[in-house]
Amino acid sequence: MQNNFQIITKYWGKLNPLKIEDYLNVGGYVALKKFISKMKPKEVIIEIKKAKLVGRGGAGFPTGEKMEKVFQRLGKKYLICNLVEAEPGNYKDRIICDKNPHLLLEGIIISALAVGAEKAYVYINGGYKKQKFILDQAIKQAYQKNFLGKKILNSQYNLEIEIFFGANDYICGEETALINSMEGNRCEPKIRPPYPTEKGLFGKPTLVDNVETLTNIPWIINNGGDKFRSIFSSG
């Protein structure tokens, strides 16, 4: 990995997280525009697989493979952004939301559209009231710019995003426990298989990724999976 190469942290301290214009001025939502105007969903997934991006939530499962499993399923699908982060001493995802919420939103939107989901959720730790406020504002601004909603940027793509203000228990960070919580049940893990990519939220195929994973997606779409792998992979 090249030293001091920044993707997620590049504009920290240089943007007002409550102003979408600041993000647009540094190339924000260019990756989304590229996807909609020049790429097919399968091509997005191919780039993520080339990048060898893995989940940053701890399990390290290849993100592209996870996306492909949901993409291949028919019918209604969902994406869930996991912002539980209840591990003691862990707060990186919270800081990402504080510093650049639109980078996260862009990653969510691209990922959801690529797998064929028209509804996404951000499951937020119940103690993250500030982050919920910041994301609420960012989502409203994204709707106003038509980065969310119906016929995004005059395309055939539709996506709604909703925040789920959930529990802050450690176990809720596990993806099947998180889904249980969203369905109104106790926050307990489910027996797998089936996996969420097959049968997730409300019994539908569901892509669950954490904040850090999703915030890498726009850079990969803008610069290519091979470039990402060359910088961040040792093998």
C-alpha atoms as a PDB file:
ATOM      1  CA  MET A   1       0.000   0.000   0.000  1.00  0.00           C
ATOM      2  CA  GLN A   2       1.324   3.443  -0.886  1.00  0.00           C
ATOM      3  CA  ASN A   3       1.938   5.635   2.132  1.00  0.00           C
ATOM      4  CA  ASN A   4      -0.247   8.690   2.748  1.00  0.00           C
ATOM      5  CA  PHE A   5      -2.659   8.013  -0.122  1.00  0.00           C
ATOM      6  CA  GLN A   6      -6.040   9.381   0.849  1.00  0.00           C
ATOM      7  CA  ILE A   7      -9.505   8.500  -0.406  1.00  0.00           C
ATOM      8  CA  ILE A   8     -11.935   8.724   2.476  1.00  0.00           C
ATOM      9  CA  THR A   9     -10.022  11.348   4.458  1.00  0.00           C
ATOM     10  CA  LYS A  10      -8.889  13.529   1.553  1.00  0.00           C
ATOM     11  CA  TYR A  11     -11.280  16.413   2.181  1.00  0.00           C
ATOM     12  CA  TRP A  12     -11.737  16.123   5.918  1.00  0.00           C
ATOM     13  CA  GLY A  13     -11.742  19.571   7.466  1.00  0.00           C
ATOM     14  CA  LYS A  14     -12.122  21.211   4.045  1.00  0.00           C
ATOM     15  CA  LEU A  15     -15.855  20.636   3.534  1.00  0.00           C
ATOM     16  CA  ASN A  16     -18.931  21.754   5.398  1.00  0.00           C
ATOM     17  CA  PRO A  17     -20.777  18.438   5.885  1.00  0.00           C
ATOM     18  CA  LEU A  18     -24.102  20.280   5.809  1.00  0.00           C
ATOM     19  CA  LYS A  19     -23.504  21.786   2.351  1.00  0.00           C
ATOM     20  CA  ILE A  20     -23.805  19.564  -0.708  1.00  0.00           C
ATOM     21  CA  GLU A  21     -22.234  22.328  -2.816  1.00  0.00           C
ATOM     22  CA  ASP A  22     -18.915  21.822  -1.027  1.00  0.00           C
ATOM     23  CA  TYR A  23     -18.917  18.159  -2.015  1.00  0.00           C
ATOM     24  CA  LEU A  24     -19.934  18.948  -5.589  1.00  0.00           C
ATOM     25  CA  ASN A  25     -17.075  21.449  -5.869  1.00  0.00           C
ATOM     26  CA  VAL A  26     -14.487  18.724  -5.239  1.00  0.00           C
ATOM     27  CA  GLY A  27     -15.968  16.225  -7.701  1.00  0.00           C
ATOM     28  CA  GLY A  28     -18.792  14.872  -5.621  1.00  0.00           C
ATOM     29  CA  TYR A  29     -21.374  12.695  -7.390  1.00  0.00           C
ATOM     30  CA  VAL A  30     -19.206  12.520 -10.528  1.00  0.00           C
ATOM     31  CA  ALA A  31     -18.913   8.759 -10.002  1.00  0.00           C
ATOM     32  CA  LEU A  32     -22.699   8.452  -9.835  1.00  0.00           C
ATOM     33  CA  LYS A  33     -23.044  10.480 -13.029  1.00  0.00           C
ATOM     34  CA  LYS A  34     -20.438   8.280 -14.726  1.00  0.00           C
ATOM     35  CA  PHE A  35     -22.268   5.129 -13.706  1.00  0.00           C
ATOM     36  CA  ILE A  36     -25.634   6.382 -14.928  1.00  0.00           C
ATOM     37  CA  SER A  37     -24.365   7.796 -18.227  1.00  0.00           C
ATOM     38  CA  LYS A  38     -21.644   5.321 -19.200  1.00  0.00           C
ATOM     39  CA  MET A  39     -21.837   2.064 -17.264  1.00  0.00           C
ATOM     40  CA  LYS A  40     -24.095  -0.925 -16.807  1.00  0.00           C
ATOM     41  CA  PRO A  41     -24.725  -2.330 -13.311  1.00  0.00           C
ATOM     42  CA  LYS A  42     -22.683  -5.435 -14.096  1.00  0.00           C
ATOM     43  CA  GLU A  43     -19.734  -3.242 -15.090  1.00  0.00           C
ATOM     44  CA  VAL A  44     -19.812  -1.544 -11.704  1.00  0.00           C
ATOM     45  CA  ILE A  45     -19.661  -4.908  -9.973  1.00  0.00           C
ATOM     46  CA  ILE A  46     -16.780  -5.992 -12.209  1.00  0.00           C
ATOM     47  CA  GLU A  47     -14.783  -2.925 -11.153  1.00  0.00           C
ATOM     48  CA  ILE A  48     -15.452  -3.608  -7.473  1.00  0.00           C
ATOM     49  CA  LYS A  49     -14.292  -7.194  -7.940  1.00  0.00           C
ATOM     50  CA  LYS A  50     -11.159  -6.008  -9.749  1.00  0.00           C
ATOM     51  CA  ALA A  51     -10.451  -3.674  -6.842  1.00  0.00           C
ATOM     52  CA  LYS A  52     -10.508  -6.604  -4.416  1.00  0.00           C
ATOM     53  CA  LEU A  53     -12.323  -4.365  -1.966  1.00  0.00           C
ATOM     54  CA  VAL A  54     -13.297  -6.323   1.125  1.00  0.00           C
ATOM     55  CA  GLY A  55     -15.749  -5.505   3.873  1.00  0.00           C
ATOM     56  CA  ARG A  56     -14.339  -3.070   6.393  1.00  0.00           C
ATOM     57  CA  GLY A  57     -16.659  -4.197   9.159  1.00  0.00           C
ATOM     58  CA  GLY A  58     -14.387  -7.008  10.324  1.00  0.00           C
ATOM     59  CA  ALA A  59     -15.378 -10.087   8.308  1.00  0.00           C
ATOM     60  CA  GLY A  60     -13.352  -9.116   5.236  1.00  0.00           C
ATOM     61  CA  PHE A  61     -15.691 -10.765   2.713  1.00  0.00           C
ATOM     62  CA  PRO A  62     -15.065  -9.619  -0.892  1.00  0.00           C
ATOM     63  CA  THR A  63     -17.480  -6.758  -1.575  1.00  0.00           C
ATOM     64  CA  GLY A  64     -17.799  -7.446  -5.291  1.00  0.00           C
ATOM     65  CA  GLU A  65     -18.796 -11.065  -4.699  1.00  0.00           C
ATOM     66  CA  LYS A  66     -21.415  -9.974  -2.196  1.00  0.00           C
ATOM     67  CA  MET A  67     -22.806  -7.453  -4.681  1.00  0.00           C
ATOM     68  CA  GLU A  68     -22.878 -10.044  -7.441  1.00  0.00           C
ATOM     69  CA  LYS A  69     -24.894 -12.466  -5.313  1.00  0.00           C
ATOM     70  CA  VAL A  70     -27.605  -9.832  -4.788  1.00  0.00           C
ATOM     71  CA  PHE A  71     -27.440  -8.672  -8.427  1.00  0.00           C
ATOM     72  CA  GLN A  72     -28.164 -12.212  -9.634  1.00  0.00           C
ATOM     73  CA  ARG A  73     -31.357 -12.461  -7.589  1.00  0.00           C
ATOM     74  CA  LEU A  74     -34.707 -11.495  -9.078  1.00  0.00           C
ATOM     75  CA  GLY A  75     -37.432  -9.346  -7.570  1.00  0.00           C
ATOM     76  CA  LYS A  76     -37.329  -6.774  -4.804  1.00  0.00           C
ATOM     77  CA  LYS A  77     -33.983  -6.134  -3.143  1.00  0.00           C
ATOM     78  CA  TYR A  78     -32.581  -3.930  -0.403  1.00  0.00           C
ATOM     79  CA  LEU A  79     -29.329  -2.324   0.659  1.00  0.00           C
ATOM     80  CA  ILE A  80     -28.504  -1.664   4.309  1.00  0.00           C
ATOM     81  CA  CYS A  81     -25.645   0.565   5.396  1.00  0.00           C
ATOM     82  CA  ASN A  82     -24.455  -0.693   8.778  1.00  0.00           C
ATOM     83  CA  LEU A  83     -23.665   2.210  11.116  1.00  0.00           C
ATOM     84  CA  VAL A  84     -24.021   0.354  14.404  1.00  0.00           C
ATOM     85  CA  GLU A  85     -20.326   0.508  15.335  1.00  0.00           C
ATOM     86  CA  ALA A  86     -20.906  -0.621  18.917  1.00  0.00           C
ATOM     87  CA  GLU A  87     -17.477  -2.172  19.445  1.00  0.00           C
ATOM     88  CA  PRO A  88     -15.690  -0.544  22.412  1.00  0.00           C
ATOM     89  CA  GLY A  89     -13.332   2.207  21.246  1.00  0.00           C
ATOM     90  CA  ASN A  90     -14.434   2.059  17.608  1.00  0.00           C
ATOM     91  CA  TYR A  91     -15.671   5.306  16.049  1.00  0.00           C
ATOM     92  CA  LYS A  92     -14.229   5.521  12.525  1.00  0.00           C
ATOM     93  CA  ASP A  93     -17.618   5.246  10.783  1.00  0.00           C
ATOM     94  CA  ARG A  94     -19.057   7.969  12.984  1.00  0.00           C
ATOM     95  CA  ILE A  95     -16.214  10.280  11.965  1.00  0.00           C
ATOM     96  CA  ILE A  96     -16.748   9.518   8.275  1.00  0.00           C
ATOM     97  CA  CYS A  97     -20.357  10.672   8.652  1.00  0.00           C
ATOM     98  CA  ASP A  98     -19.247  13.761  10.529  1.00  0.00           C
ATOM     99  CA  LYS A  99     -16.706  14.786   7.912  1.00  0.00           C
ATOM    100  CA  ASN A 100     -18.144  13.789   4.519  1.00  0.00           C
ATOM    101  CA  PRO A 101     -21.680  12.362   4.587  1.00  0.00           C
ATOM    102  CA  HIS A 102     -22.215  12.816   0.852  1.00  0.00           C
ATOM    103  CA  LEU A 103     -19.287  10.517   0.050  1.00  0.00           C
ATOM    104  CA  LEU A 104     -21.109   7.829   2.000  1.00  0.00           C
ATOM    105  CA  LEU A 105     -24.405   8.599   0.268  1.00  0.00           C
ATOM    106  CA  GLU A 106     -22.795   8.428  -3.160  1.00  0.00           C
ATOM    107  CA  GLY A 107     -21.366   5.011  -2.311  1.00  0.00           C
ATOM    108  CA  ILE A 108     -24.746   3.823  -1.072  1.00  0.00           C
ATOM    109  CA  ILE A 109     -26.538   5.054  -4.186  1.00  0.00           C
ATOM    110  CA  ILE A 110     -24.074   3.502  -6.637  1.00  0.00           C
ATOM    111  CA  SER A 111     -24.058   0.181  -4.794  1.00  0.00           C
ATOM    112  CA  ALA A 112     -27.840   0.015  -4.489  1.00  0.00           C
ATOM    113  CA  LEU A 113     -28.447   0.816  -8.149  1.00  0.00           C
ATOM    114  CA  ALA A 114     -25.764  -1.652  -9.241  1.00  0.00           C
ATOM    115  CA  VAL A 115     -27.430  -4.580  -7.473  1.00  0.00           C
ATOM    116  CA  GLY A 116     -30.955  -3.563  -8.472  1.00  0.00           C
ATOM    117  CA  ALA A 117     -32.229  -2.252  -5.137  1.00  0.00           C
ATOM    118  CA  GLU A 118     -34.740   0.598  -5.114  1.00  0.00           C
ATOM    119  CA  LYS A 119     -34.799   0.991  -1.331  1.00  0.00           C
ATOM    120  CA  ALA A 120     -31.836   1.534   0.975  1.00  0.00           C
ATOM    121  CA  TYR A 121     -31.579   1.977   4.713  1.00  0.00           C
ATOM    122  CA  VAL A 122     -28.927   3.397   6.990  1.00  0.00           C
ATOM    123  CA  TYR A 123     -29.093   1.587  10.324  1.00  0.00           C
ATOM    124  CA  ILE A 124     -27.686   4.084  12.816  1.00  0.00           C
ATOM    125  CA  ASN A 125     -26.487   3.383  16.332  1.00  0.00           C
ATOM    126  CA  GLY A 126     -29.100   4.790  18.714  1.00  0.00           C
ATOM    127  CA  GLY A 127     -26.459   6.913  20.394  1.00  0.00           C
ATOM    128  CA  TYR A 128     -25.427   8.673  17.186  1.00  0.00           C
ATOM    129  CA  LYS A 129     -27.902  11.553  17.274  1.00  0.00           C
ATOM    130  CA  LYS A 130     -25.501  14.049  15.699  1.00  0.00           C
ATOM    131  CA  GLN A 131     -24.734  11.685  12.833  1.00  0.00           C
ATOM    132  CA  LYS A 132     -28.434  11.071  12.257  1.00  0.00           C
ATOM    133  CA  PHE A 133     -28.985  14.820  11.942  1.00  0.00           C
ATOM    134  CA  ILE A 134     -26.084  15.202   9.497  1.00  0.00           C
ATOM    135  CA  LEU A 135     -27.279  12.311   7.344  1.00  0.00           C
ATOM    136  CA  ASP A 136     -30.867  13.551   7.420  1.00  0.00           C
ATOM    137  CA  GLN A 137     -29.696  16.864   5.959  1.00  0.00           C
ATOM    138  CA  ALA A 138     -27.475  15.184   3.364  1.00  0.00           C
ATOM    139  CA  ILE A 139     -30.311  12.924   2.221  1.00  0.00           C
ATOM    140  CA  LYS A 140     -32.675  15.883   1.832  1.00  0.00           C
ATOM    141  CA  GLN A 141     -30.088  17.704  -0.293  1.00  0.00           C
ATOM    142  CA  ALA A 142     -29.486  14.615  -2.441  1.00  0.00           C
ATOM    143  CA  TYR A 143     -33.214  14.376  -3.147  1.00  0.00           C
ATOM    144  CA  GLN A 144     -33.268  18.060  -4.113  1.00  0.00           C
ATOM    145  CA  LYS A 145     -30.469  17.472  -6.644  1.00  0.00           C
ATOM    146  CA  ASN A 146     -32.197  14.335  -7.998  1.00  0.00           C
ATOM    147  CA  PHE A 147     -29.383  12.074  -6.847  1.00  0.00           C
ATOM    148  CA  LEU A 148     -32.174  10.237  -5.020  1.00  0.00           C
ATOM    149  CA  GLY A 149     -35.830   9.632  -5.793  1.00  0.00           C
ATOM    150  CA  LYS A 150     -37.523   8.785  -9.064  1.00  0.00           C
ATOM    151  CA  LYS A 151     -35.681   8.734 -12.405  1.00  0.00           C
ATOM    152  CA  ILE A 152     -32.348   9.736 -10.894  1.00  0.00           C
ATOM    153  CA  LEU A 153     -30.606  12.242 -13.184  1.00  0.00           C
ATOM    154  CA  ASN A 154     -33.245  11.540 -15.851  1.00  0.00           C
ATOM    155  CA  SER A 155     -32.417   7.837 -15.942  1.00  0.00           C
ATOM    156  CA  GLN A 156     -34.457   4.689 -15.410  1.00  0.00           C
ATOM    157  CA  TYR A 157     -33.035   4.323 -11.900  1.00  0.00           C
ATOM    158  CA  ASN A 158     -35.051   4.925  -8.724  1.00  0.00           C
ATOM    159  CA  LEU A 159     -33.863   4.865  -5.128  1.00  0.00           C
ATOM    160  CA  GLU A 160     -35.322   5.859  -1.787  1.00  0.00           C
ATOM    161  CA  ILE A 161     -33.160   6.067   1.344  1.00  0.00           C
ATOM    162  CA  GLU A 162     -34.468   5.881   4.877  1.00  0.00           C
ATOM    163  CA  ILE A 163     -32.651   6.154   8.198  1.00  0.00           C
ATOM    164  CA  PHE A 164     -33.417   3.484  10.789  1.00  0.00           C
ATOM    165  CA  PHE A 165     -32.484   4.772  14.242  1.00  0.00           C
ATOM    166  CA  GLY A 166     -31.810   1.493  15.990  1.00  0.00           C
ATOM    167  CA  ALA A 167     -30.161  -0.096  18.978  1.00  0.00           C
ATOM    168  CA  ASN A 168     -26.575   0.468  20.041  1.00  0.00           C
ATOM    169  CA  ASP A 169     -25.927  -3.052  21.306  1.00  0.00           C
ATOM    170  CA  TYR A 170     -22.736  -4.728  20.143  1.00  0.00           C
ATOM    171  CA  ILE A 171     -24.603  -7.753  18.762  1.00  0.00           C
ATOM    172  CA  CYS A 172     -26.671  -5.534  16.443  1.00  0.00           C
ATOM    173  CA  GLY A 173     -23.583  -4.976  14.330  1.00  0.00           C
ATOM    174  CA  GLU A 174     -23.909  -8.550  13.072  1.00  0.00           C
ATOM    175  CA  GLU A 175     -25.845  -8.312   9.833  1.00  0.00           C
ATOM    176  CA  THR A 176     -28.553 -10.884  10.541  1.00  0.00           C
ATOM    177  CA  ALA A 177     -29.127  -9.453  14.031  1.00  0.00           C
ATOM    178  CA  LEU A 178     -29.402  -6.001  12.474  1.00  0.00           C
ATOM    179  CA  ILE A 179     -32.019  -7.298  10.040  1.00  0.00           C
ATOM    180  CA  ASN A 180     -33.945  -8.922  12.889  1.00  0.00           C
ATOM    181  CA  SER A 181     -34.010  -5.566  14.668  1.00  0.00           C
ATOM    182  CA  MET A 182     -35.303  -3.775  11.572  1.00  0.00           C
ATOM    183  CA  GLU A 183     -38.099  -6.318  11.251  1.00  0.00           C
ATOM    184  CA  GLY A 184     -39.264  -5.565  14.795  1.00  0.00           C
ATOM    185  CA  ASN A 185     -37.700  -8.593  16.433  1.00  0.00           C
ATOM    186  CA  ARG A 186     -35.033  -9.004  19.095  1.00  0.00           C
ATOM    187  CA  CYS A 187     -31.545  -8.086  17.979  1.00  0.00           C
ATOM    188  CA  GLU A 188     -30.300 -11.666  17.712  1.00  0.00           C
ATOM    189  CA  PRO A 189     -28.326 -13.352  14.935  1.00  0.00           C
ATOM    190  CA  LYS A 190     -30.127 -15.738  12.609  1.00  0.00           C
ATOM    191  CA  ILE A 191     -28.895 -19.174  11.640  1.00  0.00           C
ATOM    192  CA  ARG A 192     -27.119 -19.107   8.267  1.00  0.00           C
ATOM    193  CA  PRO A 193     -27.681 -20.184   5.531  1.00  0.00           C
ATOM    194  CA  PRO A 194     -29.685 -18.609   4.077  1.00  0.00           C
ATOM    195  CA  TYR A 195     -27.462 -15.542   3.949  1.00  0.00           C
ATOM    196  CA  PRO A 196     -28.824 -11.988   3.646  1.00  0.00           C
ATOM    197  CA  THR A 197     -27.765 -11.925  -0.013  1.00  0.00           C
ATOM    198  CA  GLU A 198     -30.336 -14.698  -0.554  1.00  0.00           C
ATOM    199  CA  LYS A 199     -32.959 -13.967   2.091  1.00  0.00           C
ATOM    200  CA  GLY A 200     -32.429 -10.786   4.061  1.00  0.00           C
ATOM    201  CA  LEU A 201     -34.668  -7.900   5.063  1.00  0.00           C
ATOM    202  CA  PHE A 202     -38.354  -8.894   4.837  1.00  0.00           C
ATOM    203  CA  GLY A 203     -37.216 -12.126   3.197  1.00  0.00           C
ATOM    204  CA  LYS A 204     -35.693 -10.338   0.198  1.00  0.00           C
ATOM    205  CA  PRO A 205     -32.096 -10.370  -1.111  1.00  0.00           C
ATOM    206  CA  THR A 206     -30.184  -7.729   0.828  1.00  0.00           C
ATOM    207  CA  LEU A 207     -26.734  -6.189   0.512  1.00  0.00           C
ATOM    208  CA  VAL A 208     -25.375  -5.210   3.927  1.00  0.00           C
ATOM    209  CA  ASP A 209     -22.159  -3.172   3.996  1.00  0.00           C
ATOM    210  CA  ASN A 210     -20.606  -0.890   6.543  1.00  0.00           C
ATOM    211  CA  VAL A 211     -19.815   2.809   6.171  1.00  0.00           C
ATOM    212  CA  GLU A 212     -16.111   2.518   5.380  1.00  0.00           C
ATOM    213  CA  THR A 213     -16.721  -0.115   2.710  1.00  0.00           C
ATOM    214  CA  LEU A 214     -19.306   2.000   0.906  1.00  0.00           C
ATOM    215  CA  THR A 215     -17.261   5.201   0.986  1.00  0.00           C
ATOM    216  CA  ASN A 216     -14.570   3.567  -1.160  1.00  0.00           C
ATOM    217  CA  ILE A 217     -17.004   2.856  -4.003  1.00  0.00           C
ATOM    218  CA  PRO A 218     -17.075   6.309  -5.703  1.00  0.00           C
ATOM    219  CA  TRP A 219     -13.274   6.424  -6.005  1.00  0.00           C
ATOM    220  CA  ILE A 220     -13.201   2.959  -7.554  1.00  0.00           C
ATOM    221  CA  ILE A 221     -15.806   3.950 -10.147  1.00  0.00           C
ATOM    222  CA  ASN A 222     -13.929   7.136 -11.000  1.00  0.00           C
ATOM    223  CA  ASN A 223     -10.459   5.588 -11.160  1.00  0.00           C
ATOM    224  CA  GLY A 224     -10.960   1.890 -11.823  1.00  0.00           C
ATOM    225  CA  GLY A 225     -10.663  -1.268  -9.802  1.00  0.00           C
ATOM    226  CA  ASP A 226      -7.164  -2.037 -11.059  1.00  0.00           C
ATOM    227  CA  LYS A 227      -5.895   1.309  -9.780  1.00  0.00           C
ATOM    228  CA  PHE A 228      -7.442   0.758  -6.358  1.00  0.00           C
ATOM    229  CA  ARG A 229      -5.935  -2.718  -6.120  1.00  0.00           C
ATOM    230  CA  SER A 230      -2.495  -1.474  -7.158  1.00  0.00           C
ATOM    231  CA  ILE A 231      -2.513   1.052  -4.323  1.00  0.00           C
ATOM    232  CA  PHE A 232      -4.182  -0.854  -1.517  1.00  0.00           C
ATOM    233  CA  SER A 233      -3.436  -4.531  -2.139  1.00  0.00           C
ATOM    234  CA  SER A 234      -0.208  -6.288  -1.314  1.00  0.00           C
ATOM    235  CA  GLY A 235      -1.043  -9.288  -3.456  1.00  0.00           C
END
